[in-house]
Amino acid sequence: MHRDKWKDKAACYEYDTNIFFDKYEEEEALRPAVDKLCSTCSVAKTCFAVGVSTKEWGVWGGIYLEGGQISKEFNSHRTSNDWGETWKYLTM
């Protein structure tokens, strides 16, 4: 089995990957829409785990990472309620 087969099941499979990197950084108004897309994704837990474990940059599982760490700067648009919902779909 191909190592990254989970990506084929991702809600973002056919999206422009720049919305998870440069565009996410540059266009703050885009961030909630990307977050919502990830929150509906069946492989968000795996995506986030891969992003953290391989020290990635960009949106992984709905959270912007910098070197595998949660970015305060690029997640600052999130409310406490947003974080609660995010942790719920990533951990339950």
PDB file of N, CA and C in Angstrom:
ATOM      1  N   MET A   1       0.845  -1.186   0.000  1.00  0.00           N
ATOM      2  CA  MET A   1       0.000   0.000   0.000  1.00  0.00           C
ATOM      3  C   MET A   1       0.885   1.242   0.000  1.00  0.00           C
ATOM      4  N   HIS A   2       0.477   2.219  -0.780  1.00  0.00           N
ATOM      5  CA  HIS A   2       1.223   3.467  -0.858  1.00  0.00           C
ATOM      6  C   HIS A   2       1.173   4.179   0.491  1.00  0.00           C
ATOM      7  N   ARG A   3       2.300   4.675   0.925  1.00  0.00           N
ATOM      8  CA  ARG A   3       2.436   5.290   2.246  1.00  0.00           C
ATOM      9  C   ARG A   3       1.487   6.460   2.478  1.00  0.00           C
ATOM     10  N   ASP A   4       1.231   7.268   1.475  1.00  0.00           N
ATOM     11  CA  ASP A   4       0.383   8.447   1.626  1.00  0.00           C
ATOM     12  C   ASP A   4      -1.027   8.233   1.080  1.00  0.00           C
ATOM     13  N   LYS A   5      -1.508   7.004   1.068  1.00  0.00           N
ATOM     14  CA  LYS A   5      -2.830   6.685   0.530  1.00  0.00           C
ATOM     15  C   LYS A   5      -3.936   7.486   1.219  1.00  0.00           C
ATOM     16  N   TRP A   6      -3.745   7.837   2.479  1.00  0.00           N
ATOM     17  CA  TRP A   6      -4.750   8.610   3.209  1.00  0.00           C
ATOM     18  C   TRP A   6      -5.055   9.929   2.519  1.00  0.00           C
ATOM     19  N   LYS A   7      -4.073  10.499   1.823  1.00  0.00           N
ATOM     20  CA  LYS A   7      -4.275  11.784   1.151  1.00  0.00           C
ATOM     21  C   LYS A   7      -5.336  11.689   0.060  1.00  0.00           C
ATOM     22  N   ASP A   8      -5.485  10.512  -0.537  1.00  0.00           N
ATOM     23  CA  ASP A   8      -6.497  10.315  -1.575  1.00  0.00           C
ATOM     24  C   ASP A   8      -7.921  10.454  -1.016  1.00  0.00           C
ATOM     25  N   LYS A   9      -8.075  10.309   0.289  1.00  0.00           N
ATOM     26  CA  LYS A   9      -9.379  10.409   0.934  1.00  0.00           C
ATOM     27  C   LYS A   9      -9.626  11.789   1.543  1.00  0.00           C
ATOM     28  N   ALA A  10      -8.657  12.668   1.436  1.00  0.00           N
ATOM     29  CA  ALA A  10      -8.753  13.995   2.060  1.00  0.00           C
ATOM     30  C   ALA A  10      -9.794  14.870   1.363  1.00  0.00           C
ATOM     31  N   ALA A  11     -10.496  15.674   2.144  1.00  0.00           N
ATOM     32  CA  ALA A  11     -11.494  16.604   1.595  1.00  0.00           C
ATOM     33  C   ALA A  11     -10.855  17.609   0.634  1.00  0.00           C
ATOM     34  N   CYS A  12      -9.571  17.847   0.796  1.00  0.00           N
ATOM     35  CA  CYS A  12      -8.849  18.820  -0.025  1.00  0.00           C
ATOM     36  C   CYS A  12      -8.135  18.197  -1.225  1.00  0.00           C
ATOM     37  N   TYR A  13      -8.397  16.936  -1.491  1.00  0.00           N
ATOM     38  CA  TYR A  13      -7.646  16.174  -2.489  1.00  0.00           C
ATOM     39  C   TYR A  13      -7.427  16.917  -3.811  1.00  0.00           C
ATOM     40  N   GLU A  14      -8.431  17.562  -4.340  1.00  0.00           N
ATOM     41  CA  GLU A  14      -8.285  18.219  -5.641  1.00  0.00           C
ATOM     42  C   GLU A  14      -8.170  19.740  -5.540  1.00  0.00           C
ATOM     43  N   TYR A  15      -7.920  20.247  -4.348  1.00  0.00           N
ATOM     44  CA  TYR A  15      -7.789  21.688  -4.159  1.00  0.00           C
ATOM     45  C   TYR A  15      -6.373  22.161  -4.482  1.00  0.00           C
ATOM     46  N   ASP A  16      -6.252  23.441  -4.773  1.00  0.00           N
ATOM     47  CA  ASP A  16      -4.956  24.086  -4.957  1.00  0.00           C
ATOM     48  C   ASP A  16      -4.240  24.072  -3.601  1.00  0.00           C
ATOM     49  N   THR A  17      -3.106  23.424  -3.532  1.00  0.00           N
ATOM     50  CA  THR A  17      -2.403  23.294  -2.247  1.00  0.00           C
ATOM     51  C   THR A  17      -1.927  24.629  -1.680  1.00  0.00           C
ATOM     52  N   ASN A  18      -1.843  25.648  -2.502  1.00  0.00           N
ATOM     53  CA  ASN A  18      -1.406  26.965  -1.996  1.00  0.00           C
ATOM     54  C   ASN A  18      -2.362  27.545  -0.967  1.00  0.00           C
ATOM     55  N   ILE A  19      -3.634  27.100  -0.952  1.00  0.00           N
ATOM     56  CA  ILE A  19      -4.544  27.641   0.065  1.00  0.00           C
ATOM     57  C   ILE A  19      -4.182  27.163   1.466  1.00  0.00           C
ATOM     58  N   PHE A  20      -3.352  26.147   1.559  1.00  0.00           N
ATOM     59  CA  PHE A  20      -2.924  25.611   2.848  1.00  0.00           C
ATOM     60  C   PHE A  20      -1.552  26.128   3.275  1.00  0.00           C
ATOM     61  N   PHE A  21      -0.965  26.937   2.430  1.00  0.00           N
ATOM     62  CA  PHE A  21       0.366  27.475   2.702  1.00  0.00           C
ATOM     63  C   PHE A  21       0.365  28.993   2.499  1.00  0.00           C
ATOM     64  N   ASP A  22       0.873  29.455   1.378  1.00  0.00           N
ATOM     65  CA  ASP A  22       1.027  30.888   1.125  1.00  0.00           C
ATOM     66  C   ASP A  22      -0.281  31.668   1.228  1.00  0.00           C
ATOM     67  N   LYS A  23      -1.333  31.199   0.589  1.00  0.00           N
ATOM     68  CA  LYS A  23      -2.602  31.934   0.614  1.00  0.00           C
ATOM     69  C   LYS A  23      -3.183  31.992   2.027  1.00  0.00           C
ATOM     70  N   TYR A  24      -3.013  30.929   2.799  1.00  0.00           N
ATOM     71  CA  TYR A  24      -3.487  30.921   4.188  1.00  0.00           C
ATOM     72  C   TYR A  24      -2.756  31.985   4.998  1.00  0.00           C
ATOM     73  N   GLU A  25      -1.476  32.130   4.737  1.00  0.00           N
ATOM     74  CA  GLU A  25      -0.679  33.140   5.435  1.00  0.00           C
ATOM     75  C   GLU A  25      -1.079  34.550   5.016  1.00  0.00           C
ATOM     76  N   GLU A  26      -1.296  34.742   3.724  1.00  0.00           N
ATOM     77  CA  GLU A  26      -1.508  36.077   3.172  1.00  0.00           C
ATOM     78  C   GLU A  26      -2.949  36.574   3.260  1.00  0.00           C
ATOM     79  N   GLU A  27      -3.928  35.671   3.205  1.00  0.00           N
ATOM     80  CA  GLU A  27      -5.337  36.066   3.139  1.00  0.00           C
ATOM     81  C   GLU A  27      -6.090  35.598   4.381  1.00  0.00           C
ATOM     82  N   GLU A  28      -6.085  36.436   5.402  1.00  0.00           N
ATOM     83  CA  GLU A  28      -6.713  36.069   6.673  1.00  0.00           C
ATOM     84  C   GLU A  28      -8.189  35.718   6.506  1.00  0.00           C
ATOM     85  N   ALA A  29      -8.876  36.350   5.571  1.00  0.00           N
ATOM     86  CA  ALA A  29     -10.302  36.080   5.348  1.00  0.00           C
ATOM     87  C   ALA A  29     -10.542  34.658   4.827  1.00  0.00           C
ATOM     88  N   LEU A  30      -9.540  34.048   4.247  1.00  0.00           N
ATOM     89  CA  LEU A  30      -9.636  32.679   3.716  1.00  0.00           C
ATOM     90  C   LEU A  30      -9.534  31.625   4.822  1.00  0.00           C
ATOM     91  N   ARG A  31      -8.901  31.961   5.908  1.00  0.00           N
ATOM     92  CA  ARG A  31      -8.591  30.985   6.957  1.00  0.00           C
ATOM     93  C   ARG A  31      -9.808  30.246   7.505  1.00  0.00           C
ATOM     94  N   PRO A  32     -10.910  30.919   7.857  1.00  0.00           N
ATOM     95  CA  PRO A  32     -12.065  30.171   8.377  1.00  0.00           C
ATOM     96  C   PRO A  32     -12.630  29.149   7.386  1.00  0.00           C
ATOM     97  N   ALA A  33     -12.605  29.468   6.096  1.00  0.00           N
ATOM     98  CA  ALA A  33     -13.111  28.527   5.090  1.00  0.00           C
ATOM     99  C   ALA A  33     -12.227  27.284   5.006  1.00  0.00           C
ATOM    100  N   VAL A  34     -10.930  27.475   5.071  1.00  0.00           N
ATOM    101  CA  VAL A  34     -10.002  26.332   5.057  1.00  0.00           C
ATOM    102  C   VAL A  34     -10.186  25.513   6.335  1.00  0.00           C
ATOM    103  N   ASP A  35     -10.314  26.186   7.461  1.00  0.00           N
ATOM    104  CA  ASP A  35     -10.530  25.490   8.731  1.00  0.00           C
ATOM    105  C   ASP A  35     -11.797  24.640   8.662  1.00  0.00           C
ATOM    106  N   LYS A  36     -12.865  25.195   8.076  1.00  0.00           N
ATOM    107  CA  LYS A  36     -14.134  24.471   7.966  1.00  0.00           C
ATOM    108  C   LYS A  36     -13.986  23.243   7.068  1.00  0.00           C
ATOM    109  N   LEU A  37     -13.288  23.403   5.951  1.00  0.00           N
ATOM    110  CA  LEU A  37     -13.054  22.267   5.053  1.00  0.00           C
ATOM    111  C   LEU A  37     -12.363  21.137   5.813  1.00  0.00           C
ATOM    112  N   CYS A  38     -11.333  21.462   6.549  1.00  0.00           N
ATOM    113  CA  CYS A  38     -10.589  20.450   7.300  1.00  0.00           C
ATOM    114  C   CYS A  38     -11.451  19.813   8.393  1.00  0.00           C
ATOM    115  N   SER A  39     -12.346  20.600   8.976  1.00  0.00           N
ATOM    116  CA  SER A  39     -13.171  20.063  10.063  1.00  0.00           C
ATOM    117  C   SER A  39     -14.141  18.991   9.576  1.00  0.00           C
ATOM    118  N   THR A  40     -14.393  18.952   8.277  1.00  0.00           N
ATOM    119  CA  THR A  40     -15.297  17.945   7.709  1.00  0.00           C
ATOM    120  C   THR A  40     -14.547  16.762   7.110  1.00  0.00           C
ATOM    121  N   CYS A  41     -13.249  16.781   7.183  1.00  0.00           N
ATOM    122  CA  CYS A  41     -12.424  15.784   6.510  1.00  0.00           C
ATOM    123  C   CYS A  41     -12.295  14.494   7.326  1.00  0.00           C
ATOM    124  N   SER A  42     -12.471  13.385   6.652  1.00  0.00           N
ATOM    125  CA  SER A  42     -12.404  12.079   7.321  1.00  0.00           C
ATOM    126  C   SER A  42     -10.991  11.669   7.723  1.00  0.00           C
ATOM    127  N   VAL A  43      -9.986  12.326   7.179  1.00  0.00           N
ATOM    128  CA  VAL A  43      -8.603  11.964   7.509  1.00  0.00           C
ATOM    129  C   VAL A  43      -7.862  13.085   8.249  1.00  0.00           C
ATOM    130  N   ALA A  44      -8.612  14.017   8.841  1.00  0.00           N
ATOM    131  CA  ALA A  44      -7.987  15.155   9.535  1.00  0.00           C
ATOM    132  C   ALA A  44      -7.049  14.709  10.653  1.00  0.00           C
ATOM    133  N   LYS A  45      -7.436  13.687  11.411  1.00  0.00           N
ATOM    134  CA  LYS A  45      -6.571  13.201  12.511  1.00  0.00           C
ATOM    135  C   LYS A  45      -5.234  12.729  11.970  1.00  0.00           C
ATOM    136  N   THR A  46      -5.279  11.947  10.904  1.00  0.00           N
ATOM    137  CA  THR A  46      -4.047  11.439  10.295  1.00  0.00           C
ATOM    138  C   THR A  46      -3.221  12.585   9.742  1.00  0.00           C
ATOM    139  N   CYS A  47      -3.878  13.505   9.056  1.00  0.00           N
ATOM    140  CA  CYS A  47      -3.195  14.651   8.467  1.00  0.00           C
ATOM    141  C   CYS A  47      -2.456  15.452   9.540  1.00  0.00           C
ATOM    142  N   PHE A  48      -3.147  15.765  10.634  1.00  0.00           N
ATOM    143  CA  PHE A  48      -2.522  16.520  11.723  1.00  0.00           C
ATOM    144  C   PHE A  48      -1.346  15.746  12.317  1.00  0.00           C
ATOM    145  N   ALA A  49      -1.532  14.456  12.547  1.00  0.00           N
ATOM    146  CA  ALA A  49      -0.465  13.628  13.117  1.00  0.00           C
ATOM    147  C   ALA A  49       0.765  13.606  12.215  1.00  0.00           C
ATOM    148  N   VAL A  50       0.550  13.504  10.913  1.00  0.00           N
ATOM    149  CA  VAL A  50       1.668  13.516   9.969  1.00  0.00           C
ATOM    150  C   VAL A  50       2.360  14.876  10.000  1.00  0.00           C
ATOM    151  N   GLY A  51       1.580  15.942   9.999  1.00  0.00           N
ATOM    152  CA  GLY A  51       2.159  17.286  10.035  1.00  0.00           C
ATOM    153  C   GLY A  51       3.030  17.521  11.250  1.00  0.00           C
ATOM    154  N   VAL A  52       2.554  17.067  12.401  1.00  0.00           N
ATOM    155  CA  VAL A  52       3.325  17.236  13.641  1.00  0.00           C
ATOM    156  C   VAL A  52       4.557  16.336  13.639  1.00  0.00           C
ATOM    157  N   SER A  53       4.360  15.067  13.315  1.00  0.00           N
ATOM    158  CA  SER A  53       5.466  14.098  13.422  1.00  0.00           C
ATOM    159  C   SER A  53       6.571  14.319  12.391  1.00  0.00           C
ATOM    160  N   THR A  54       6.230  14.921  11.256  1.00  0.00           N
ATOM    161  CA  THR A  54       7.256  15.167  10.237  1.00  0.00           C
ATOM    162  C   THR A  54       7.679  16.638  10.189  1.00  0.00           C
ATOM    163  N   LYS A  55       7.240  17.396  11.231  1.00  0.00           N
ATOM    164  CA  LYS A  55       7.654  18.795  11.408  1.00  0.00           C
ATOM    165  C   LYS A  55       7.347  19.661  10.173  1.00  0.00           C
ATOM    166  N   GLU A  56       6.106  19.555   9.705  1.00  0.00           N
ATOM    167  CA  GLU A  56       5.677  20.258   8.498  1.00  0.00           C
ATOM    168  C   GLU A  56       5.313  21.713   8.757  1.00  0.00           C
ATOM    169  N   TRP A  57       5.176  22.451   7.658  1.00  0.00           N
ATOM    170  CA  TRP A  57       4.712  23.835   7.651  1.00  0.00           C
ATOM    171  C   TRP A  57       3.420  23.872   6.855  1.00  0.00           C
ATOM    172  N   GLY A  58       2.496  24.741   7.252  1.00  0.00           N
ATOM    173  CA  GLY A  58       1.231  24.886   6.541  1.00  0.00           C
ATOM    174  C   GLY A  58       0.093  24.277   7.336  1.00  0.00           C
ATOM    175  N   VAL A  59      -1.074  24.175   6.700  1.00  0.00           N
ATOM    176  CA  VAL A  59      -2.264  23.643   7.351  1.00  0.00           C
ATOM    177  C   VAL A  59      -2.254  22.124   7.258  1.00  0.00           C
ATOM    178  N   TRP A  60      -2.320  21.504   8.417  1.00  0.00           N
ATOM    179  CA  TRP A  60      -2.354  20.038   8.518  1.00  0.00           C
ATOM    180  C   TRP A  60      -3.448  19.682   9.499  1.00  0.00           C
ATOM    181  N   GLY A  61      -4.493  19.026   9.008  1.00  0.00           N
ATOM    182  CA  GLY A  61      -5.612  18.670   9.868  1.00  0.00           C
ATOM    183  C   GLY A  61      -6.388  19.877  10.369  1.00  0.00           C
ATOM    184  N   GLY A  62      -6.279  20.980   9.665  1.00  0.00           N
ATOM    185  CA  GLY A  62      -7.018  22.180  10.037  1.00  0.00           C
ATOM    186  C   GLY A  62      -6.277  23.138  10.941  1.00  0.00           C
ATOM    187  N   ILE A  63      -5.026  22.858  11.219  1.00  0.00           N
ATOM    188  CA  ILE A  63      -4.225  23.726  12.096  1.00  0.00           C
ATOM    189  C   ILE A  63      -2.947  24.115  11.358  1.00  0.00           C
ATOM    190  N   TYR A  64      -2.643  25.396  11.368  1.00  0.00           N
ATOM    191  CA  TYR A  64      -1.418  25.856  10.714  1.00  0.00           C
ATOM    192  C   TYR A  64      -0.221  25.527  11.601  1.00  0.00           C
ATOM    193  N   LEU A  65       0.719  24.808  11.025  1.00  0.00           N
ATOM    194  CA  LEU A  65       1.927  24.394  11.739  1.00  0.00           C
ATOM    195  C   LEU A  65       3.152  25.098  11.175  1.00  0.00           C
ATOM    196  N   GLU A  66       4.120  25.321  12.037  1.00  0.00           N
ATOM    197  CA  GLU A  66       5.433  25.830  11.640  1.00  0.00           C
ATOM    198  C   GLU A  66       6.459  24.880  12.222  1.00  0.00           C
ATOM    199  N   GLY A  67       7.062  24.077  11.364  1.00  0.00           N
ATOM    200  CA  GLY A  67       8.018  23.083  11.831  1.00  0.00           C
ATOM    201  C   GLY A  67       7.385  22.063  12.764  1.00  0.00           C
ATOM    202  N   GLY A  68       6.116  21.737  12.504  1.00  0.00           N
ATOM    203  CA  GLY A  68       5.407  20.751  13.322  1.00  0.00           C
ATOM    204  C   GLY A  68       4.806  21.299  14.608  1.00  0.00           C
ATOM    205  N   GLN A  69       4.995  22.583  14.858  1.00  0.00           N
ATOM    206  CA  GLN A  69       4.455  23.232  16.054  1.00  0.00           C
ATOM    207  C   GLN A  69       3.270  24.115  15.667  1.00  0.00           C
ATOM    208  N   ILE A  70       2.294  24.222  16.537  1.00  0.00           N
ATOM    209  CA  ILE A  70       1.145  25.070  16.260  1.00  0.00           C
ATOM    210  C   ILE A  70       1.588  26.528  16.207  1.00  0.00           C
ATOM    211  N   SER A  71       1.257  27.184  15.098  1.00  0.00           N
ATOM    212  CA  SER A  71       1.629  28.583  14.901  1.00  0.00           C
ATOM    213  C   SER A  71       0.639  29.499  15.608  1.00  0.00           C
ATOM    214  N   LYS A  72       1.125  30.307  16.527  1.00  0.00           N
ATOM    215  CA  LYS A  72       0.257  31.285  17.197  1.00  0.00           C
ATOM    216  C   LYS A  72      -0.173  32.361  16.214  1.00  0.00           C
ATOM    217  N   GLU A  73       0.731  32.779  15.371  1.00  0.00           N
ATOM    218  CA  GLU A  73       0.442  33.854  14.416  1.00  0.00           C
ATOM    219  C   GLU A  73      -0.670  33.467  13.440  1.00  0.00           C
ATOM    220  N   PHE A  74      -0.556  32.303  12.814  1.00  0.00           N
ATOM    221  CA  PHE A  74      -1.497  31.940  11.763  1.00  0.00           C
ATOM    222  C   PHE A  74      -2.734  31.190  12.264  1.00  0.00           C
ATOM    223  N   ASN A  75      -2.840  31.012  13.560  1.00  0.00           N
ATOM    224  CA  ASN A  75      -4.058  30.460  14.159  1.00  0.00           C
ATOM    225  C   ASN A  75      -4.728  31.476  15.072  1.00  0.00           C
ATOM    226  N   SER A  76      -4.257  32.717  15.050  1.00  0.00           N
ATOM    227  CA  SER A  76      -4.771  33.742  15.961  1.00  0.00           C
ATOM    228  C   SER A  76      -6.218  34.140  15.674  1.00  0.00           C
ATOM    229  N   HIS A  77      -6.738  33.783  14.528  1.00  0.00           N
ATOM    230  CA  HIS A  77      -8.131  34.094  14.178  1.00  0.00           C
ATOM    231  C   HIS A  77      -9.129  33.189  14.904  1.00  0.00           C
ATOM    232  N   ARG A  78      -8.653  32.138  15.511  1.00  0.00           N
ATOM    233  CA  ARG A  78      -9.528  31.160  16.170  1.00  0.00           C
ATOM    234  C   ARG A  78      -9.993  31.653  17.546  1.00  0.00           C
ATOM    235  N   THR A  79     -11.260  31.408  17.823  1.00  0.00           N
ATOM    236  CA  THR A  79     -11.808  31.713  19.141  1.00  0.00           C
ATOM    237  C   THR A  79     -11.620  30.483  20.038  1.00  0.00           C
ATOM    238  N   SER A  80     -11.919  30.629  21.312  1.00  0.00           N
ATOM    239  CA  SER A  80     -11.863  29.490  22.234  1.00  0.00           C
ATOM    240  C   SER A  80     -12.816  28.388  21.774  1.00  0.00           C
ATOM    241  N   ASN A  81     -13.987  28.781  21.298  1.00  0.00           N
ATOM    242  CA  ASN A  81     -14.955  27.811  20.795  1.00  0.00           C
ATOM    243  C   ASN A  81     -14.408  27.078  19.574  1.00  0.00           C
ATOM    244  N   ASP A  82     -13.745  27.809  18.667  1.00  0.00           N
ATOM    245  CA  ASP A  82     -13.128  27.186  17.491  1.00  0.00           C
ATOM    246  C   ASP A  82     -12.117  26.123  17.913  1.00  0.00           C
ATOM    247  N   TRP A  83     -11.280  26.461  18.891  1.00  0.00           N
ATOM    248  CA  TRP A  83     -10.275  25.503  19.362  1.00  0.00           C
ATOM    249  C   TRP A  83     -10.944  24.272  19.961  1.00  0.00           C
ATOM    250  N   GLY A  84     -12.016  24.479  20.717  1.00  0.00           N
ATOM    251  CA  GLY A  84     -12.741  23.345  21.302  1.00  0.00           C
ATOM    252  C   GLY A  84     -13.268  22.412  20.234  1.00  0.00           C
ATOM    253  N   GLU A  85     -13.854  22.983  19.189  1.00  0.00           N
ATOM    254  CA  GLU A  85     -14.373  22.166  18.082  1.00  0.00           C
ATOM    255  C   GLU A  85     -13.243  21.469  17.333  1.00  0.00           C
ATOM    256  N   THR A  86     -12.148  22.168  17.154  1.00  0.00           N
ATOM    257  CA  THR A  86     -10.996  21.586  16.443  1.00  0.00           C
ATOM    258  C   THR A  86     -10.448  20.390  17.205  1.00  0.00           C
ATOM    259  N   TRP A  87     -10.239  20.546  18.508  1.00  0.00           N
ATOM    260  CA  TRP A  87      -9.691  19.438  19.296  1.00  0.00           C
ATOM    261  C   TRP A  87     -10.671  18.279  19.349  1.00  0.00           C
ATOM    262  N   LYS A  88     -11.957  18.602  19.297  1.00  0.00           N
ATOM    263  CA  LYS A  88     -12.969  17.539  19.303  1.00  0.00           C
ATOM    264  C   LYS A  88     -12.835  16.664  18.054  1.00  0.00           C
ATOM    265  N   TYR A  89     -12.761  17.300  16.865  1.00  0.00           N
ATOM    266  CA  TYR A  89     -12.676  16.469  15.649  1.00  0.00           C
ATOM    267  C   TYR A  89     -11.299  15.826  15.482  1.00  0.00           C
ATOM    268  N   LEU A  90     -10.295  16.365  16.125  1.00  0.00           N
ATOM    269  CA  LEU A  90      -8.960  15.746  16.013  1.00  0.00           C
ATOM    270  C   LEU A  90      -8.722  14.648  17.045  1.00  0.00           C
ATOM    271  N   THR A  91      -9.524  14.616  18.095  1.00  0.00           N
ATOM    272  CA  THR A  91      -9.252  13.645  19.157  1.00  0.00           C
ATOM    273  C   THR A  91     -10.365  12.643  19.423  1.00  0.00           C
ATOM    274  N   MET A  92     -11.547  12.878  18.897  1.00  0.00           N
ATOM    275  CA  MET A  92     -12.659  11.962  19.191  1.00  0.00           C
ATOM    276  C   MET A  92     -13.001  11.107  17.993  1.00  0.00           C
TER     277      MET A  92
END
